[in-house]
Amino acid sequence: MTGCATSPDPAKICTADWIEPRAERALDRLEERTQTSIRAIRKAGASYIAGDTPGPLTLLSLRTALNDLEDEFKNGPGTRDLRLLARTCNDPDFIEKTLTDWLDRQEFPSQLIAFLNATSLLDRLIELAEGDIAADQKS
């Protein structure tokens, strides 16, 4: 019973060797569950980058993709795993750093990333993923 009542010491367990495979597993889950959304974002982004106006179906697909991403970042299993790691290691910046790495793995063109940043969509997704972590850290 006493083993259940103790909490891990972040200094002892939060080494790169311990956290890296767990973060990678969480990102793999996130990546697997967001494949369709990422494809839709890439398609709309390609149209935008080419200077074309995306058609109504592409825009509808983009909106659906962004809604799905919001849902996944809000309460998906990969996101929950990332929150647990951030809490365990007492690292309020962990989720933002990890999701930035995830975004890099998606290999979006720089123009698309600039667009997502300009519209604050990425900030919103990171806020959703952080959930109550930021509030917990400030308290």
N, C-alpha and C. Protein backbone atom coordinates (compact mmCIF):
# COMPACT_ATOMS: atom_id res chain seq x y z
N MET A 1 0.81 -1.20 0.00
CA MET A 1 0.00 0.00 0.00
C MET A 1 0.85 1.26 0.00
N THR A 2 1.96 1.26 0.70
CA THR A 2 2.76 2.48 0.76
C THR A 2 3.34 2.82 -0.60
N GLY A 3 3.60 1.82 -1.45
CA GLY A 3 4.12 2.07 -2.80
C GLY A 3 3.13 2.86 -3.63
N CYS A 4 1.84 2.67 -3.41
CA CYS A 4 0.82 3.38 -4.17
C CYS A 4 0.69 4.83 -3.70
N ALA A 5 1.06 5.10 -2.47
CA ALA A 5 0.88 6.43 -1.90
C ALA A 5 2.03 7.37 -2.25
N THR A 6 3.11 6.85 -2.74
CA THR A 6 4.25 7.72 -3.05
C THR A 6 4.17 8.21 -4.48
N SER A 7 4.71 9.38 -4.70
CA SER A 7 4.78 9.88 -6.06
C SER A 7 6.23 9.87 -6.50
N PRO A 8 6.46 9.67 -7.79
CA PRO A 8 7.85 9.57 -8.27
C PRO A 8 8.58 10.90 -8.13
N ASP A 9 9.87 10.82 -7.88
CA ASP A 9 10.72 12.00 -7.82
C ASP A 9 11.14 12.33 -9.25
N PRO A 10 10.67 13.47 -9.79
CA PRO A 10 10.99 13.80 -11.18
C PRO A 10 12.49 13.81 -11.47
N ALA A 11 13.28 14.22 -10.51
CA ALA A 11 14.73 14.28 -10.73
C ALA A 11 15.31 12.89 -10.97
N LYS A 12 14.69 11.88 -10.39
CA LYS A 12 15.21 10.51 -10.53
C LYS A 12 14.72 9.81 -11.79
N ILE A 13 13.46 10.05 -12.17
CA ILE A 13 12.92 9.28 -13.30
C ILE A 13 12.88 10.02 -14.62
N CYS A 14 12.90 11.33 -14.60
CA CYS A 14 12.72 12.10 -15.83
C CYS A 14 14.04 12.33 -16.58
N THR A 15 14.70 11.25 -16.85
CA THR A 15 15.90 11.32 -17.67
C THR A 15 15.48 11.18 -19.13
N ALA A 16 16.37 11.55 -20.02
CA ALA A 16 16.07 11.41 -21.46
C ALA A 16 15.77 9.96 -21.81
N ASP A 17 16.51 9.03 -21.21
CA ASP A 17 16.28 7.60 -21.49
C ASP A 17 14.90 7.14 -21.05
N TRP A 18 14.38 7.74 -20.00
CA TRP A 18 13.07 7.34 -19.49
C TRP A 18 11.95 8.02 -20.27
N ILE A 19 12.09 9.31 -20.51
CA ILE A 19 10.99 10.07 -21.09
C ILE A 19 10.88 9.92 -22.60
N GLU A 20 12.00 9.77 -23.29
CA GLU A 20 11.99 9.73 -24.76
C GLU A 20 11.11 8.63 -25.34
N PRO A 21 11.23 7.37 -24.89
CA PRO A 21 10.36 6.35 -25.49
C PRO A 21 8.88 6.57 -25.17
N ARG A 22 8.59 7.12 -24.01
CA ARG A 22 7.20 7.38 -23.65
C ARG A 22 6.62 8.52 -24.48
N ALA A 23 7.40 9.55 -24.69
CA ALA A 23 6.95 10.66 -25.52
C ALA A 23 6.79 10.19 -26.97
N GLU A 24 7.71 9.37 -27.43
CA GLU A 24 7.64 8.85 -28.80
C GLU A 24 6.38 8.00 -29.00
N ARG A 25 6.05 7.20 -28.00
CA ARG A 25 4.83 6.38 -28.07
C ARG A 25 3.59 7.27 -28.12
N ALA A 26 3.58 8.32 -27.31
CA ALA A 26 2.45 9.25 -27.31
C ALA A 26 2.32 9.95 -28.67
N LEU A 27 3.44 10.36 -29.24
CA LEU A 27 3.41 11.01 -30.55
C LEU A 27 2.98 10.04 -31.64
N ASP A 28 3.41 8.79 -31.55
CA ASP A 28 2.96 7.79 -32.51
C ASP A 28 1.44 7.63 -32.47
N ARG A 29 0.88 7.62 -31.25
CA ARG A 29 -0.57 7.51 -31.10
C ARG A 29 -1.26 8.73 -31.72
N LEU A 30 -0.70 9.89 -31.44
CA LEU A 30 -1.27 11.12 -31.97
C LEU A 30 -1.19 11.13 -33.49
N GLU A 31 -0.05 10.74 -34.02
CA GLU A 31 0.15 10.72 -35.46
C GLU A 31 -0.82 9.74 -36.14
N GLU A 32 -0.98 8.59 -35.54
CA GLU A 32 -1.88 7.57 -36.10
C GLU A 32 -3.32 8.07 -36.16
N ARG A 33 -3.73 8.76 -35.11
CA ARG A 33 -5.12 9.19 -35.01
C ARG A 33 -5.40 10.48 -35.79
N THR A 34 -4.37 11.16 -36.29
CA THR A 34 -4.58 12.42 -37.00
C THR A 34 -4.20 12.36 -38.48
N GLN A 35 -3.94 11.17 -38.99
CA GLN A 35 -3.50 11.04 -40.38
C GLN A 35 -4.47 11.68 -41.38
N THR A 36 -5.74 11.43 -41.23
CA THR A 36 -6.74 11.97 -42.15
C THR A 36 -6.77 13.49 -42.08
N SER A 37 -6.71 14.02 -40.89
CA SER A 37 -6.71 15.47 -40.72
C SER A 37 -5.47 16.10 -41.34
N ILE A 38 -4.34 15.47 -41.15
CA ILE A 38 -3.09 16.00 -41.70
C ILE A 38 -3.14 16.02 -43.23
N ARG A 39 -3.70 14.96 -43.81
CA ARG A 39 -3.83 14.94 -45.28
C ARG A 39 -4.69 16.10 -45.77
N ALA A 40 -5.79 16.36 -45.09
CA ALA A 40 -6.68 17.46 -45.49
C ALA A 40 -5.98 18.81 -45.36
N ILE A 41 -5.20 18.97 -44.31
CA ILE A 41 -4.46 20.23 -44.12
C ILE A 41 -3.40 20.39 -45.21
N ARG A 42 -2.72 19.29 -45.53
CA ARG A 42 -1.72 19.36 -46.60
C ARG A 42 -2.36 19.75 -47.94
N LYS A 43 -3.53 19.17 -48.23
CA LYS A 43 -4.20 19.45 -49.50
C LYS A 43 -4.61 20.92 -49.58
N ALA A 44 -5.21 21.44 -48.51
CA ALA A 44 -5.60 22.85 -48.50
C ALA A 44 -4.35 23.73 -48.54
N GLY A 45 -3.32 23.32 -47.83
CA GLY A 45 -2.07 24.08 -47.82
C GLY A 45 -1.42 24.13 -49.19
N ALA A 46 -1.45 23.01 -49.91
CA ALA A 46 -0.86 22.98 -51.26
C ALA A 46 -1.59 23.95 -52.18
N SER A 47 -2.89 24.02 -52.05
CA SER A 47 -3.69 24.93 -52.86
C SER A 47 -3.34 26.38 -52.50
N TYR A 48 -3.25 26.65 -51.23
CA TYR A 48 -2.91 27.98 -50.73
C TYR A 48 -1.52 28.41 -51.21
N ILE A 49 -0.55 27.51 -51.09
CA ILE A 49 0.83 27.80 -51.48
C ILE A 49 0.95 28.03 -52.99
N ALA A 50 0.17 27.29 -53.76
CA ALA A 50 0.19 27.43 -55.21
C ALA A 50 -0.48 28.74 -55.67
N GLY A 51 -1.08 29.45 -54.73
CA GLY A 51 -1.74 30.70 -55.08
C GLY A 51 -3.17 30.52 -55.52
N ASP A 52 -3.66 29.30 -55.44
CA ASP A 52 -5.05 29.02 -55.82
C ASP A 52 -5.96 29.26 -54.62
N THR A 53 -7.17 29.57 -54.91
CA THR A 53 -8.17 29.67 -53.86
C THR A 53 -8.75 28.27 -53.66
N PRO A 54 -8.63 27.73 -52.44
CA PRO A 54 -9.20 26.39 -52.21
C PRO A 54 -10.70 26.40 -52.47
N GLY A 55 -11.18 25.33 -53.08
CA GLY A 55 -12.60 25.22 -53.37
C GLY A 55 -13.42 24.95 -52.12
N PRO A 56 -14.73 25.00 -52.25
CA PRO A 56 -15.59 24.80 -51.08
C PRO A 56 -15.43 23.43 -50.43
N LEU A 57 -15.24 22.39 -51.24
CA LEU A 57 -15.06 21.06 -50.64
C LEU A 57 -13.74 20.97 -49.88
N THR A 58 -12.70 21.59 -50.42
CA THR A 58 -11.40 21.59 -49.72
C THR A 58 -11.51 22.37 -48.42
N LEU A 59 -12.22 23.50 -48.45
CA LEU A 59 -12.39 24.29 -47.23
C LEU A 59 -13.23 23.56 -46.19
N LEU A 60 -14.26 22.86 -46.64
CA LEU A 60 -15.07 22.07 -45.72
C LEU A 60 -14.23 20.95 -45.12
N SER A 61 -13.45 20.31 -45.95
CA SER A 61 -12.56 19.25 -45.48
C SER A 61 -11.54 19.80 -44.48
N LEU A 62 -11.03 21.00 -44.74
CA LEU A 62 -10.08 21.64 -43.83
C LEU A 62 -10.74 21.93 -42.50
N ARG A 63 -11.94 22.45 -42.53
CA ARG A 63 -12.65 22.77 -41.28
C ARG A 63 -12.89 21.50 -40.47
N THR A 64 -13.32 20.45 -41.13
CA THR A 64 -13.54 19.18 -40.44
C THR A 64 -12.23 18.66 -39.86
N ALA A 65 -11.14 18.77 -40.62
CA ALA A 65 -9.83 18.32 -40.15
C ALA A 65 -9.41 19.10 -38.92
N LEU A 66 -9.62 20.41 -38.94
CA LEU A 66 -9.23 21.22 -37.78
C LEU A 66 -10.09 20.89 -36.56
N ASN A 67 -11.37 20.64 -36.77
CA ASN A 67 -12.23 20.21 -35.66
C ASN A 67 -11.75 18.88 -35.08
N ASP A 68 -11.41 17.96 -35.96
CA ASP A 68 -10.92 16.66 -35.51
C ASP A 68 -9.61 16.80 -34.73
N LEU A 69 -8.73 17.67 -35.23
CA LEU A 69 -7.48 17.92 -34.51
C LEU A 69 -7.74 18.53 -33.14
N GLU A 70 -8.68 19.46 -33.07
CA GLU A 70 -9.03 20.06 -31.78
C GLU A 70 -9.50 18.98 -30.81
N ASP A 71 -10.38 18.10 -31.28
CA ASP A 71 -10.88 17.02 -30.42
C ASP A 71 -9.74 16.12 -29.95
N GLU A 72 -8.85 15.79 -30.87
CA GLU A 72 -7.74 14.90 -30.53
C GLU A 72 -6.78 15.58 -29.55
N PHE A 73 -6.50 16.84 -29.78
CA PHE A 73 -5.57 17.55 -28.90
C PHE A 73 -6.21 17.84 -27.55
N LYS A 74 -7.51 17.90 -27.52
CA LYS A 74 -8.21 18.18 -26.27
C LYS A 74 -8.24 16.96 -25.36
N ASN A 75 -8.51 15.80 -25.92
CA ASN A 75 -8.69 14.64 -25.05
C ASN A 75 -8.32 13.32 -25.71
N GLY A 76 -7.47 13.33 -26.69
CA GLY A 76 -7.05 12.08 -27.32
C GLY A 76 -6.07 11.32 -26.44
N PRO A 77 -5.92 10.03 -26.68
CA PRO A 77 -5.03 9.22 -25.84
C PRO A 77 -3.57 9.68 -25.89
N GLY A 78 -3.09 10.09 -27.05
CA GLY A 78 -1.71 10.57 -27.13
C GLY A 78 -1.51 11.83 -26.32
N THR A 79 -2.50 12.72 -26.39
CA THR A 79 -2.44 13.97 -25.64
C THR A 79 -2.50 13.69 -24.14
N ARG A 80 -3.35 12.78 -23.73
CA ARG A 80 -3.42 12.42 -22.30
C ARG A 80 -2.08 11.88 -21.82
N ASP A 81 -1.43 11.07 -22.65
CA ASP A 81 -0.11 10.55 -22.29
C ASP A 81 0.90 11.68 -22.14
N LEU A 82 0.85 12.65 -23.05
CA LEU A 82 1.77 13.79 -22.96
C LEU A 82 1.53 14.60 -21.69
N ARG A 83 0.27 14.79 -21.34
CA ARG A 83 -0.05 15.52 -20.11
C ARG A 83 0.49 14.79 -18.88
N LEU A 84 0.34 13.47 -18.88
CA LEU A 84 0.85 12.69 -17.76
C LEU A 84 2.36 12.83 -17.64
N LEU A 85 3.04 12.79 -18.75
CA LEU A 85 4.50 12.96 -18.74
C LEU A 85 4.87 14.37 -18.25
N ALA A 86 4.15 15.38 -18.70
CA ALA A 86 4.43 16.75 -18.27
C ALA A 86 4.23 16.91 -16.77
N ARG A 87 3.16 16.30 -16.25
CA ARG A 87 2.91 16.37 -14.80
C ARG A 87 3.97 15.59 -14.02
N THR A 88 4.25 14.39 -14.48
CA THR A 88 5.21 13.54 -13.79
C THR A 88 6.57 14.22 -13.69
N CYS A 89 6.98 14.85 -14.77
CA CYS A 89 8.31 15.48 -14.81
C CYS A 89 8.26 16.95 -14.43
N ASN A 90 7.09 17.44 -14.05
CA ASN A 90 6.93 18.82 -13.61
C ASN A 90 7.54 19.78 -14.64
N ASP A 91 7.17 19.57 -15.90
CA ASP A 91 7.72 20.37 -17.00
C ASP A 91 6.58 21.02 -17.77
N PRO A 92 6.23 22.28 -17.44
CA PRO A 92 5.09 22.92 -18.10
C PRO A 92 5.31 23.18 -19.59
N ASP A 93 6.56 23.19 -20.05
CA ASP A 93 6.84 23.44 -21.47
C ASP A 93 6.94 22.15 -22.29
N PHE A 94 6.82 21.01 -21.64
CA PHE A 94 7.01 19.72 -22.30
C PHE A 94 6.06 19.53 -23.48
N ILE A 95 4.79 19.84 -23.28
CA ILE A 95 3.79 19.60 -24.34
C ILE A 95 4.07 20.49 -25.54
N GLU A 96 4.35 21.74 -25.30
CA GLU A 96 4.64 22.64 -26.43
C GLU A 96 5.87 22.17 -27.20
N LYS A 97 6.93 21.80 -26.49
CA LYS A 97 8.14 21.32 -27.16
C LYS A 97 7.85 20.04 -27.95
N THR A 98 7.13 19.13 -27.36
CA THR A 98 6.85 17.85 -28.00
C THR A 98 5.95 18.02 -29.21
N LEU A 99 4.93 18.87 -29.10
CA LEU A 99 4.04 19.09 -30.23
C LEU A 99 4.73 19.85 -31.36
N THR A 100 5.68 20.69 -31.02
CA THR A 100 6.47 21.36 -32.05
C THR A 100 7.29 20.31 -32.82
N ASP A 101 7.85 19.35 -32.09
CA ASP A 101 8.56 18.24 -32.74
C ASP A 101 7.61 17.44 -33.62
N TRP A 102 6.40 17.20 -33.13
CA TRP A 102 5.40 16.46 -33.90
C TRP A 102 5.08 17.20 -35.20
N LEU A 103 4.94 18.51 -35.09
CA LEU A 103 4.65 19.30 -36.28
C LEU A 103 5.79 19.20 -37.29
N ASP A 104 7.01 19.22 -36.81
CA ASP A 104 8.16 19.07 -37.70
C ASP A 104 8.12 17.72 -38.42
N ARG A 105 7.67 16.69 -37.72
CA ARG A 105 7.58 15.36 -38.32
C ARG A 105 6.57 15.32 -39.46
N GLN A 106 5.62 16.25 -39.46
CA GLN A 106 4.60 16.26 -40.50
C GLN A 106 5.12 16.86 -41.80
N GLU A 107 6.28 17.50 -41.73
CA GLU A 107 6.95 18.08 -42.90
C GLU A 107 6.03 19.02 -43.69
N PHE A 108 5.33 19.88 -42.97
CA PHE A 108 4.53 20.90 -43.64
C PHE A 108 5.47 21.91 -44.28
N PRO A 109 5.10 22.44 -45.42
CA PRO A 109 5.90 23.52 -46.02
C PRO A 109 5.93 24.73 -45.09
N SER A 110 7.01 25.47 -45.13
CA SER A 110 7.18 26.62 -44.23
C SER A 110 6.07 27.65 -44.42
N GLN A 111 5.58 27.80 -45.66
CA GLN A 111 4.49 28.76 -45.89
C GLN A 111 3.22 28.35 -45.16
N LEU A 112 2.96 27.04 -45.10
CA LEU A 112 1.77 26.56 -44.40
C LEU A 112 1.92 26.76 -42.90
N ILE A 113 3.10 26.50 -42.38
CA ILE A 113 3.34 26.72 -40.95
C ILE A 113 3.19 28.20 -40.62
N ALA A 114 3.70 29.06 -41.49
CA ALA A 114 3.56 30.50 -41.28
C ALA A 114 2.08 30.89 -41.26
N PHE A 115 1.29 30.30 -42.17
CA PHE A 115 -0.15 30.58 -42.20
C PHE A 115 -0.81 30.11 -40.91
N LEU A 116 -0.50 28.90 -40.47
CA LEU A 116 -1.09 28.37 -39.24
C LEU A 116 -0.70 29.22 -38.03
N ASN A 117 0.53 29.69 -38.02
CA ASN A 117 0.96 30.57 -36.93
C ASN A 117 0.23 31.92 -36.99
N ALA A 118 0.09 32.47 -38.20
CA ALA A 118 -0.56 33.77 -38.36
C ALA A 118 -2.02 33.73 -37.92
N THR A 119 -2.65 32.59 -38.08
CA THR A 119 -4.06 32.47 -37.70
C THR A 119 -4.22 31.97 -36.27
N SER A 120 -3.12 31.76 -35.57
CA SER A 120 -3.11 31.31 -34.17
C SER A 120 -3.69 29.90 -33.99
N LEU A 121 -3.82 29.15 -35.07
CA LEU A 121 -4.36 27.80 -34.95
C LEU A 121 -3.42 26.89 -34.15
N LEU A 122 -2.14 27.02 -34.40
CA LEU A 122 -1.19 26.17 -33.67
C LEU A 122 -1.20 26.49 -32.18
N ASP A 123 -1.24 27.78 -31.86
CA ASP A 123 -1.31 28.16 -30.44
C ASP A 123 -2.55 27.58 -29.78
N ARG A 124 -3.66 27.64 -30.49
CA ARG A 124 -4.93 27.10 -29.95
C ARG A 124 -4.82 25.59 -29.72
N LEU A 125 -4.23 24.87 -30.67
CA LEU A 125 -4.08 23.42 -30.51
C LEU A 125 -3.17 23.09 -29.33
N ILE A 126 -2.10 23.85 -29.17
CA ILE A 126 -1.19 23.60 -28.04
C ILE A 126 -1.90 23.91 -26.72
N GLU A 127 -2.67 24.98 -26.68
CA GLU A 127 -3.44 25.30 -25.47
C GLU A 127 -4.40 24.17 -25.12
N LEU A 128 -5.07 23.63 -26.14
CA LEU A 128 -5.99 22.52 -25.90
C LEU A 128 -5.24 21.31 -25.36
N ALA A 129 -4.08 21.02 -25.95
CA ALA A 129 -3.30 19.87 -25.52
C ALA A 129 -2.80 20.04 -24.10
N GLU A 130 -2.41 21.26 -23.75
CA GLU A 130 -1.91 21.49 -22.40
C GLU A 130 -3.03 21.34 -21.38
N GLY A 131 -4.25 21.59 -21.79
CA GLY A 131 -5.38 21.42 -20.89
C GLY A 131 -5.19 22.18 -19.61
N ASP A 132 -5.30 21.48 -18.51
CA ASP A 132 -5.16 22.12 -17.21
C ASP A 132 -3.72 22.11 -16.69
N ILE A 133 -2.77 21.65 -17.49
CA ILE A 133 -1.37 21.62 -17.07
C ILE A 133 -0.90 23.03 -16.74
N ALA A 134 -1.15 23.98 -17.63
CA ALA A 134 -0.69 25.34 -17.41
C ALA A 134 -1.31 25.92 -16.13
N ALA A 135 -2.59 25.66 -15.93
CA ALA A 135 -3.25 26.15 -14.72
C ALA A 135 -2.68 25.48 -13.48
N ASP A 136 -2.39 24.18 -13.57
CA ASP A 136 -1.81 23.45 -12.45
C ASP A 136 -0.45 24.02 -12.08
N GLN A 137 0.36 24.35 -13.08
CA GLN A 137 1.71 24.85 -12.84
C GLN A 137 1.70 26.24 -12.23
N LYS A 138 0.69 27.04 -12.58
CA LYS A 138 0.61 28.41 -12.06
C LYS A 138 0.11 28.45 -10.63
N SER A 139 -0.64 27.44 -10.23
CA SER A 139 -1.22 27.42 -8.87
C SER A 139 -0.18 27.20 -7.81
